[in-house]
């Protein structure tokens, strides 16, 4: 009986601690809640006295709490002390596993996005893949934190995922070797002189600092005339980092706001003046694997008409999760509010619709062969053609061709990436057009030639 009294006290504490003020709960609601808690305590007592095996009260209670949170939405969950430590470790940017962000949709474990360069990404897993089994164990109605535990493990160990993808007739098994997932979330280079490319794989503690450092490095190499910010397959991360990344490119105005059930959950976040810096033409690349924090950035840029969103509709995770610490080192990940873009659009379930929709076209061997076949002949291809000695630059086509053969490794990587990535090619073409238009509008010589 003493154990049940302690349990009942814990459950009352849980109700008060969950983040909803007493003012938000009527007297009738409180009394109904207490009656249900009494029923719960009675059921546990019966189990302890009559179940075929001895009941582990702690494990049973944790299971009940997990089930309660899972019944609310896919993102709320109970965190054991171990789970809580793992979550903090992930935020710091280093853990051992396969490298995917997951959620539960309609009771089925679903991949939000594989993290670029991780074992899951290299194995070919994609956003919206359904994980039906992990090591042969069905995942239906499995809490996401339980799935995370099974996916993580010692570096070098294997985990087998049974995957269903839209259009497949049968499940396919992927055996993946776990590795240390070091989330260096920012990298970039110039695709062409003046046209920069920055990829953010997720939003963690150092993302904004690393992005600013990278932009300064690129600006030092050559003036940035335009930027592609690639948020494809970026599953999100820290809200403050999404806000500060948006702030880099916005000179003023609202970035995002949240609405919850109680006043404390209603917040607004504003951009600060950047003194006219980083106002070059901007393209944001997104796809179905862009979620949460990625959608905040894309939504802010789109609503302020600061840049062009290119790609496919995003994932649609527009809810705010608050981490609440609990006694004994455990915690709650609780959905407390919704995100809204500056123009008042809810991201939840609808996602961000690109300004220019460009479906991803997988690069095939047939495409590779087609691109390698010459489909026209130029003057330079004719035998004994006359050399160009009148070009004021003094560079002949032969010299230009020889120069192109000396491309750096980075340039070769860029060429290969652009050849394989139709969305990136489209983004670069749009960016160059925006830059050209901007130059025309700001050049006094062409003021009368533009509308």
Protein backbone atom coordinates (compact mmCIF):
# COMPACT_ATOMS: atom_id res chain seq x y z
CA UNK A 1 0.00 0.00 0.00
CA UNK A 2 2.86 2.39 0.77
CA UNK A 3 4.17 1.77 -2.74
CA UNK A 4 0.78 2.72 -4.20
CA UNK A 5 0.66 5.89 -2.11
CA UNK A 6 4.08 6.86 -3.45
CA UNK A 7 2.92 6.01 -6.98
CA UNK A 8 -0.23 8.11 -6.59
CA UNK A 9 1.86 11.03 -5.31
CA UNK A 10 4.19 10.68 -8.31
CA UNK A 11 1.27 10.70 -10.74
CA UNK A 12 -0.20 13.81 -9.13
CA UNK A 13 3.22 15.44 -9.44
CA UNK A 14 3.29 14.39 -13.09
CA UNK A 15 -0.04 16.09 -13.75
CA UNK A 16 1.11 19.35 -12.15
CA UNK A 17 4.56 19.25 -13.76
CA UNK A 18 3.43 18.66 -17.34
CA UNK A 19 3.50 22.34 -18.21
CA UNK A 20 -0.23 23.20 -18.08
CA UNK A 21 -1.07 25.75 -15.40
CA UNK A 22 -3.83 25.05 -12.91
CA UNK A 23 -5.72 28.02 -14.35
CA UNK A 24 -5.96 26.16 -17.67
CA UNK A 25 -7.71 23.17 -16.02
CA UNK A 26 -11.22 23.46 -14.63
CA UNK A 27 -12.21 21.95 -11.28
CA UNK A 28 -14.30 19.31 -13.06
CA UNK A 29 -11.34 18.36 -15.25
CA UNK A 30 -9.06 18.01 -12.23
CA UNK A 31 -11.56 15.80 -10.41
CA UNK A 32 -12.02 13.62 -13.51
CA UNK A 33 -8.21 13.31 -13.82
CA UNK A 34 -7.82 12.26 -10.19
CA UNK A 35 -10.54 9.61 -10.60
CA UNK A 36 -8.71 8.17 -13.61
CA UNK A 37 -5.43 8.16 -11.69
CA UNK A 38 -7.15 6.27 -8.90
CA UNK A 39 -8.31 3.68 -11.44
CA UNK A 40 -4.74 3.44 -12.74
CA UNK A 41 -3.41 2.85 -9.22
CA UNK A 42 -6.04 0.17 -8.61
CA UNK A 43 -5.17 -1.61 -11.87
CA UNK A 44 -1.49 -1.59 -10.97
CA UNK A 45 -2.31 -2.97 -7.53
CA UNK A 46 -4.33 -5.81 -9.08
CA UNK A 47 -1.47 -6.58 -11.46
CA UNK A 48 1.04 -6.68 -8.64
CA UNK A 49 -1.11 -9.11 -6.66
CA UNK A 50 -2.50 -11.35 -9.40
CA UNK A 51 -0.35 -11.27 -12.54
CA UNK A 52 1.36 -14.55 -13.41
CA UNK A 53 4.80 -13.05 -12.82
CA UNK A 54 6.05 -10.38 -10.46
CA UNK A 55 5.46 -6.89 -11.83
CA UNK A 56 8.28 -4.39 -12.21
CA UNK A 57 6.36 -1.30 -11.02
CA UNK A 58 8.92 1.17 -12.39
CA UNK A 59 9.00 -0.38 -15.87
CA UNK A 60 5.21 -0.74 -15.95
CA UNK A 61 4.70 2.92 -15.03
CA UNK A 62 7.25 4.09 -17.60
CA UNK A 63 5.49 1.95 -20.22
CA UNK A 64 2.14 3.48 -19.27
CA UNK A 65 3.53 7.02 -19.51
CA UNK A 66 5.12 6.27 -22.89
CA UNK A 67 1.83 4.89 -24.17
CA UNK A 68 -0.04 7.94 -22.90
CA UNK A 69 2.28 10.34 -24.72
CA UNK A 70 2.33 8.23 -27.89
CA UNK A 71 -1.48 8.46 -28.02
CA UNK A 72 -1.22 12.26 -28.27
CA UNK A 73 1.04 12.83 -31.30
CA UNK A 74 4.10 11.27 -32.99
CA UNK A 75 6.63 13.66 -31.42
CA UNK A 76 5.75 13.61 -27.71
CA UNK A 77 7.58 10.94 -25.72
CA UNK A 78 8.82 9.93 -22.30
CA UNK A 79 12.59 10.02 -21.91
CA UNK A 80 14.27 7.70 -19.47
CA UNK A 81 17.48 8.98 -17.93
CA UNK A 82 19.39 7.12 -20.66
CA UNK A 83 17.17 8.60 -23.40
CA UNK A 84 17.64 12.08 -21.93
CA UNK A 85 21.43 11.72 -22.03
CA UNK A 86 21.29 10.46 -25.64
CA UNK A 87 19.17 13.42 -26.68
CA UNK A 88 21.67 15.86 -25.19
CA UNK A 89 24.50 13.94 -26.85
CA UNK A 90 22.79 14.20 -30.25
CA UNK A 91 22.28 17.95 -29.82
CA UNK A 92 26.01 18.29 -29.14
CA UNK A 93 26.57 16.63 -32.50
CA UNK A 94 28.13 13.22 -31.93
CA UNK A 95 26.58 9.77 -31.45
CA UNK A 96 26.87 6.21 -32.73
CA UNK A 97 24.17 4.86 -35.01
CA UNK A 98 22.97 4.73 -38.63
CA UNK A 99 22.15 8.43 -39.15
CA UNK A 100 18.41 8.89 -39.73
CA UNK A 101 15.76 11.15 -38.25
CA UNK A 102 12.50 9.25 -37.62
CA UNK A 103 8.91 9.84 -36.57
CA UNK A 104 5.74 7.79 -36.17
CA UNK A 105 3.02 8.29 -38.80
CA UNK A 106 -0.27 6.41 -38.52
CA UNK A 107 1.41 4.02 -36.11
CA UNK A 108 4.25 3.26 -38.57
CA UNK A 109 7.88 4.23 -38.07
CA UNK A 110 8.73 6.66 -40.88
CA UNK A 111 12.03 8.18 -41.97
CA UNK A 112 11.94 11.97 -41.97
CA UNK A 113 15.35 12.13 -43.55
CA UNK A 114 18.69 10.30 -43.72
CA UNK A 115 21.56 12.54 -42.61
CA UNK A 116 23.95 13.21 -45.47
CA UNK A 117 27.11 11.11 -45.53
CA UNK A 118 25.95 8.67 -42.83
CA UNK A 119 25.63 4.86 -43.20
CA UNK A 120 21.85 5.19 -43.76
CA UNK A 121 22.38 7.74 -46.52
CA UNK A 122 25.07 5.63 -48.20
CA UNK A 123 22.82 2.56 -47.99
CA UNK A 124 20.16 4.38 -50.02
CA UNK A 125 17.46 5.04 -47.42
CA UNK A 126 15.17 7.95 -48.31
CA UNK A 127 12.70 10.34 -46.73
CA UNK A 128 9.22 8.79 -46.31
CA UNK A 129 10.60 5.22 -46.28
CA UNK A 130 8.67 3.08 -43.79
CA UNK A 131 10.70 1.02 -41.31
CA UNK A 132 8.53 -2.08 -40.89
CA UNK A 133 11.03 -4.12 -38.87
CA UNK A 134 14.28 -3.59 -36.99
CA UNK A 135 16.34 -6.78 -36.74
CA UNK A 136 13.16 -8.72 -37.47
CA UNK A 137 11.14 -7.00 -34.72
CA UNK A 138 7.93 -5.31 -35.98
CA UNK A 139 7.88 -1.56 -35.37
CA UNK A 140 4.13 -0.94 -35.56
CA UNK A 141 3.12 1.37 -32.69
CA UNK A 142 6.70 1.36 -31.43
CA UNK A 143 7.56 4.67 -29.69
CA UNK A 144 10.19 6.60 -31.63
CA UNK A 145 12.58 6.65 -28.66
CA UNK A 146 12.42 2.84 -28.45
CA UNK A 147 13.25 2.69 -32.14
CA UNK A 148 16.15 5.12 -31.66
CA UNK A 149 17.58 2.79 -28.98
CA UNK A 150 17.50 -0.14 -31.40
CA UNK A 151 19.00 1.86 -34.24
CA UNK A 152 21.92 3.09 -32.18
CA UNK A 153 24.71 0.87 -31.01
CA UNK A 154 28.42 0.26 -30.93
CA UNK A 155 30.42 1.44 -33.92
CA UNK A 156 30.97 -1.46 -36.33
CA UNK A 157 27.90 -3.42 -35.24
CA UNK A 158 25.14 -4.21 -37.74
CA UNK A 159 21.41 -3.53 -37.78
CA UNK A 160 18.97 -4.85 -40.38
CA UNK A 161 16.01 -2.71 -41.42
CA UNK A 162 13.03 -4.04 -43.36
CA UNK A 163 11.93 -1.11 -45.51
CA UNK A 164 8.81 -0.39 -47.55
CA UNK A 165 8.89 2.39 -50.13
CA UNK A 166 5.97 3.70 -52.15
CA UNK A 167 5.88 1.77 -55.43
CA UNK A 168 7.60 -1.37 -54.09
CA UNK A 169 5.74 -4.67 -54.12
CA UNK A 170 7.69 -6.21 -51.24
CA UNK A 171 9.82 -5.22 -48.28
CA UNK A 172 13.54 -4.82 -48.87
CA UNK A 173 16.13 -5.49 -46.21
CA UNK A 174 19.03 -3.12 -45.61
CA UNK A 175 21.86 -4.32 -43.39
CA UNK A 176 23.70 -1.23 -42.18
CA UNK A 177 26.94 -0.99 -40.22
CA UNK A 178 26.69 1.56 -37.41
CA UNK A 179 29.26 4.32 -37.24
CA UNK A 180 30.05 7.46 -35.27
CA UNK A 181 27.71 10.14 -36.58
CA UNK A 182 29.66 13.38 -36.34
CA UNK A 183 27.25 16.10 -37.34
CA UNK A 184 29.47 18.76 -38.83
CA UNK A 185 26.39 20.47 -40.10
CA UNK A 186 27.78 23.09 -42.49
CA UNK A 187 29.90 22.87 -45.63
CA UNK A 188 30.15 24.82 -48.85
CA UNK A 189 32.10 26.02 -51.88
CA UNK A 190 31.76 28.05 -55.08
CA UNK A 191 29.84 26.30 -57.86
CA UNK A 192 31.02 28.96 -60.29
CA UNK A 193 32.97 32.18 -59.67
CA UNK A 194 30.80 34.31 -57.39
CA UNK A 195 28.01 31.74 -57.01
CA UNK A 196 28.31 30.03 -53.64
CA UNK A 197 26.74 26.81 -52.35
CA UNK A 198 26.19 26.14 -48.63
CA UNK A 199 24.75 22.86 -47.34
CA UNK A 200 23.28 22.62 -43.81
CA UNK A 201 22.59 19.00 -42.84
CA UNK A 202 20.87 19.77 -39.52
CA UNK A 203 20.56 22.56 -36.96
CA UNK A 204 22.77 21.99 -33.93
CA UNK A 205 24.51 24.18 -31.39
CA UNK A 206 27.31 25.51 -33.64
CA UNK A 207 25.40 25.73 -36.95
CA UNK A 208 25.05 29.52 -37.10
CA UNK A 209 28.63 30.14 -35.99
CA UNK A 210 29.94 27.66 -38.58
CA UNK A 211 27.76 29.18 -41.33
CA UNK A 212 29.02 32.70 -40.63
CA UNK A 213 32.60 31.44 -40.59
CA UNK A 214 32.10 29.65 -43.92
CA UNK A 215 30.47 32.68 -45.58
CA UNK A 216 33.35 34.90 -44.40
CA UNK A 217 35.85 32.40 -45.85
CA UNK A 218 34.05 32.27 -49.21
CA UNK A 219 33.70 36.07 -49.29
CA UNK A 220 37.44 36.35 -48.72
CA UNK A 221 38.11 34.07 -51.69
CA UNK A 222 35.80 35.94 -54.04
CA UNK A 223 32.86 38.29 -53.69
CA UNK A 224 29.60 36.35 -53.36
CA UNK A 225 27.20 37.36 -56.15
CA UNK A 226 24.55 34.82 -55.18
CA UNK A 227 24.03 31.90 -52.79
CA UNK A 228 22.26 28.53 -52.85
CA UNK A 229 21.37 27.35 -49.33
CA UNK A 230 20.70 23.60 -49.51
CA UNK A 231 18.30 22.35 -46.81
CA UNK A 232 17.27 19.15 -48.57
CA UNK A 233 17.01 16.13 -46.27
CA UNK A 234 17.66 18.41 -43.30
CA UNK A 235 15.40 17.00 -40.54
CA UNK A 236 15.61 20.11 -38.33
CA UNK A 237 17.10 20.57 -34.88
CA UNK A 238 17.38 23.57 -32.59
CA UNK A 239 14.85 26.37 -32.97
CA UNK A 240 17.28 29.12 -31.98
CA UNK A 241 19.66 28.04 -34.75
CA UNK A 242 16.92 28.15 -37.39
CA UNK A 243 16.06 31.68 -36.26
CA UNK A 244 19.67 32.88 -36.28
CA UNK A 245 20.33 31.32 -39.71
CA UNK A 246 17.29 33.18 -41.08
CA UNK A 247 18.60 36.33 -39.37
CA UNK A 248 21.81 36.15 -41.43
CA UNK A 249 19.84 36.84 -44.62
CA UNK A 250 17.00 39.04 -43.34
CA UNK A 251 17.53 42.71 -42.57
CA UNK A 252 14.44 43.06 -40.37
CA UNK A 253 11.01 41.61 -39.62
CA UNK A 254 9.38 38.55 -38.11
CA UNK A 255 11.13 35.18 -38.57
CA UNK A 256 8.60 32.83 -36.94
CA UNK A 257 6.06 32.79 -34.15
CA UNK A 258 4.54 30.06 -32.04
CA UNK A 259 1.05 29.54 -30.62
CA UNK A 260 0.30 27.16 -27.80
CA UNK A 261 -2.43 26.43 -25.30
CA UNK A 262 -1.15 28.78 -22.64
CA UNK A 263 0.27 32.30 -22.85
CA UNK A 264 3.84 31.27 -22.00
CA UNK A 265 3.99 29.18 -25.18
CA UNK A 266 3.13 32.12 -27.46
CA UNK A 267 6.41 33.61 -28.68
CA UNK A 268 7.63 35.77 -31.56
CA UNK A 269 11.15 35.91 -32.98
CA UNK A 270 12.43 38.89 -34.95
CA UNK A 271 15.35 39.38 -37.33
CA UNK A 272 17.94 42.03 -36.47
CA UNK A 273 19.45 44.59 -38.79
CA UNK A 274 22.50 43.18 -40.57
CA UNK A 275 23.57 46.59 -41.94
CA UNK A 276 22.93 45.55 -45.52
CA UNK A 277 25.19 42.48 -45.42
CA UNK A 278 24.40 39.18 -47.17
CA UNK A 279 21.66 40.70 -49.32
CA UNK A 280 22.79 38.99 -52.52
CA UNK A 281 20.30 36.84 -54.52
CA UNK A 282 19.35 33.73 -52.54
CA UNK A 283 17.96 30.30 -53.45
CA UNK A 284 16.74 27.83 -50.80
CA UNK A 285 16.72 24.18 -51.91
CA UNK A 286 14.16 21.96 -50.12
CA UNK A 287 12.52 18.56 -50.52
CA UNK A 288 10.27 16.12 -48.67
CA UNK A 289 13.10 15.45 -46.20
CA UNK A 290 13.30 19.13 -45.14
CA UNK A 291 11.52 19.37 -41.80
CA UNK A 292 10.93 21.53 -38.73
CA UNK A 293 13.80 24.04 -38.42
CA UNK A 294 14.46 23.78 -42.18
CA UNK A 295 10.84 24.73 -42.85
CA UNK A 296 11.13 27.71 -40.51
CA UNK A 297 14.05 29.08 -42.53
CA UNK A 298 12.36 28.40 -45.88
CA UNK A 299 9.06 29.90 -44.68
CA UNK A 300 10.72 33.09 -43.39
CA UNK A 301 12.72 33.62 -46.59
CA UNK A 302 9.64 32.93 -48.73
CA UNK A 303 7.26 35.22 -46.81
CA UNK A 304 9.74 38.11 -46.86
CA UNK A 305 10.32 37.50 -50.60
CA UNK A 306 14.00 37.48 -49.77
CA UNK A 307 14.79 34.50 -51.98
CA UNK A 308 13.33 31.79 -54.19
CA UNK A 309 12.37 28.39 -52.75
CA UNK A 310 13.22 25.58 -55.19
CA UNK A 311 12.57 21.83 -55.01
CA UNK A 312 9.61 19.84 -53.71
CA UNK A 313 7.07 20.29 -50.89
CA UNK A 314 8.65 19.91 -47.45
CA UNK A 315 7.83 17.34 -44.75
CA UNK A 316 5.35 19.44 -42.74
CA UNK A 317 6.54 19.17 -39.14
CA UNK A 318 5.21 22.40 -37.71
CA UNK A 319 5.00 21.63 -34.00
CA UNK A 320 7.20 22.75 -31.11
CA UNK A 321 8.62 20.17 -28.69
CA UNK A 322 9.68 21.33 -25.23
CA UNK A 323 12.05 19.18 -23.17
CA UNK A 324 10.96 19.06 -19.53
CA UNK A 325 13.38 17.50 -17.02
CA UNK A 326 11.88 15.06 -14.52
CA UNK A 327 13.13 13.74 -11.18
CA UNK A 328 15.80 11.05 -11.40
CA UNK A 329 17.30 12.31 -14.66
CA UNK A 330 14.36 11.39 -16.90
CA UNK A 331 12.36 13.86 -18.96
CA UNK A 332 9.43 14.58 -21.23
CA UNK A 333 9.54 15.65 -24.84
CA UNK A 334 6.18 17.37 -25.07
CA UNK A 335 4.49 19.08 -28.01
CA UNK A 336 3.54 22.51 -26.65
CA UNK A 337 2.88 24.80 -29.65
CA UNK A 338 2.69 25.21 -33.43
CA UNK A 339 5.02 27.15 -35.71
CA UNK A 340 3.69 29.89 -37.99
CA UNK A 341 5.54 31.67 -40.79
CA UNK A 342 5.69 35.50 -40.77
CA UNK A 343 2.52 35.65 -42.93
CA UNK A 344 0.62 33.43 -40.50
CA UNK A 345 0.88 30.12 -42.36
CA UNK A 346 0.96 26.96 -40.27
CA UNK A 347 3.70 24.57 -41.39
CA UNK A 348 1.99 21.59 -39.73
CA UNK A 349 1.13 18.79 -42.18
CA UNK A 350 1.12 21.17 -45.19
CA UNK A 351 4.83 22.01 -45.25
CA UNK A 352 6.37 24.69 -47.46
CA UNK A 353 5.37 24.68 -51.13
CA UNK A 354 8.32 25.79 -53.32
CA UNK A 355 8.09 28.86 -55.54
CA UNK A 356 9.63 26.76 -58.30
CA UNK A 357 8.72 23.09 -58.04
CA UNK A 358 11.45 20.82 -59.39
CA UNK A 359 11.01 17.06 -58.80
CA UNK A 360 14.22 15.15 -58.26
CA UNK A 361 15.17 13.07 -61.31
CA UNK A 362 17.52 10.21 -60.36
CA UNK A 363 20.73 10.19 -62.36
CA UNK A 364 20.94 6.92 -64.31
CA UNK A 365 23.65 5.23 -66.35
CA UNK A 366 21.52 5.85 -69.47
CA UNK A 367 21.54 9.57 -68.68
CA UNK A 368 25.29 9.42 -68.16
CA UNK A 369 25.78 7.80 -71.56
CA UNK A 370 23.42 10.29 -73.22
CA UNK A 371 25.29 13.25 -71.78
CA UNK A 372 28.63 11.85 -72.96
CA UNK A 373 27.46 11.51 -76.57
CA UNK A 374 28.07 14.60 -78.74
CA UNK A 375 24.75 15.64 -80.27
CA UNK A 376 26.08 18.58 -82.30
CA UNK A 377 29.29 19.72 -83.97
CA UNK A 378 30.95 23.08 -83.37
CA UNK A 379 33.50 24.90 -85.52
CA UNK A 380 36.20 23.92 -83.03
CA UNK A 381 35.43 20.23 -83.71
CA UNK A 382 36.24 20.53 -87.43
CA UNK A 383 39.65 19.38 -88.61
CA UNK A 384 42.08 22.20 -89.48
CA UNK A 385 39.66 24.88 -88.22
CA UNK A 386 41.06 28.43 -88.13
CA UNK A 387 42.28 29.46 -84.69
CA UNK A 388 40.66 32.43 -83.00
CA UNK A 389 43.41 35.07 -82.87
CA UNK A 390 41.09 38.10 -82.81
CA UNK A 391 39.53 37.55 -79.39
CA UNK A 392 40.44 40.63 -77.32
CA UNK A 393 41.05 38.45 -74.32
CA UNK A 394 43.93 36.85 -76.20
CA UNK A 395 42.77 33.37 -75.21
CA UNK A 396 42.13 30.84 -77.99
CA UNK A 397 39.59 28.04 -77.67
CA UNK A 398 42.47 25.57 -77.53
CA UNK A 399 44.02 27.43 -74.61
CA UNK A 400 40.65 27.59 -72.90
CA UNK A 401 40.16 23.85 -73.39
CA UNK A 402 43.65 23.17 -72.01
CA UNK A 403 42.89 25.36 -69.02
CA UNK A 404 39.68 23.48 -68.36
CA UNK A 405 41.63 20.24 -68.13
CA UNK A 406 43.51 21.68 -65.17
CA UNK A 407 40.43 22.08 -63.04
CA UNK A 408 40.96 21.60 -59.34
CA UNK A 409 39.51 18.63 -57.51
CA UNK A 410 36.82 20.87 -56.03
CA UNK A 411 35.81 22.04 -59.49
CA UNK A 412 35.68 18.46 -60.72
CA UNK A 413 33.45 17.57 -57.78
CA UNK A 414 31.19 20.52 -58.59
CA UNK A 415 30.91 19.45 -62.22
CA UNK A 416 30.07 15.89 -61.19
CA UNK A 417 27.53 17.08 -58.60
CA UNK A 418 25.80 19.42 -61.04
CA UNK A 419 25.64 16.68 -63.66
CA UNK A 420 23.92 14.31 -61.24
CA UNK A 421 21.67 16.77 -59.38
CA UNK A 422 18.94 18.29 -61.57
CA UNK A 423 17.50 20.35 -58.67
CA UNK A 424 20.88 21.95 -57.98
CA UNK A 425 21.38 22.69 -61.70
CA UNK A 426 18.00 24.42 -61.82
CA UNK A 427 18.77 26.40 -58.67
CA UNK A 428 22.09 27.59 -60.12
CA UNK A 429 20.43 28.69 -63.37
CA UNK A 430 17.78 30.64 -61.44
CA UNK A 431 20.44 32.20 -59.23
CA UNK A 432 22.46 33.36 -62.24
CA UNK A 433 19.31 34.85 -63.76
CA UNK A 434 18.51 36.69 -60.51
CA UNK A 435 22.03 38.05 -60.38
CA UNK A 436 21.87 39.21 -64.00
CA UNK A 437 18.52 40.91 -63.35
CA UNK A 438 19.91 42.62 -60.24
CA UNK A 439 22.95 43.87 -62.15
CA UNK A 440 20.73 45.30 -64.89
CA UNK A 441 18.50 47.08 -62.39
CA UNK A 442 21.40 48.64 -60.49
CA UNK A 443 23.53 49.59 -63.53
CA UNK A 444 22.84 53.25 -64.51
CA UNK A 445 23.59 52.40 -68.16
CA UNK A 446 20.64 49.98 -68.34
CA UNK A 447 18.01 51.84 -66.29
CA UNK A 448 15.95 52.62 -69.38
CA UNK A 449 16.11 49.07 -70.72
CA UNK A 450 14.44 47.32 -67.79
CA UNK A 451 10.76 47.48 -66.80
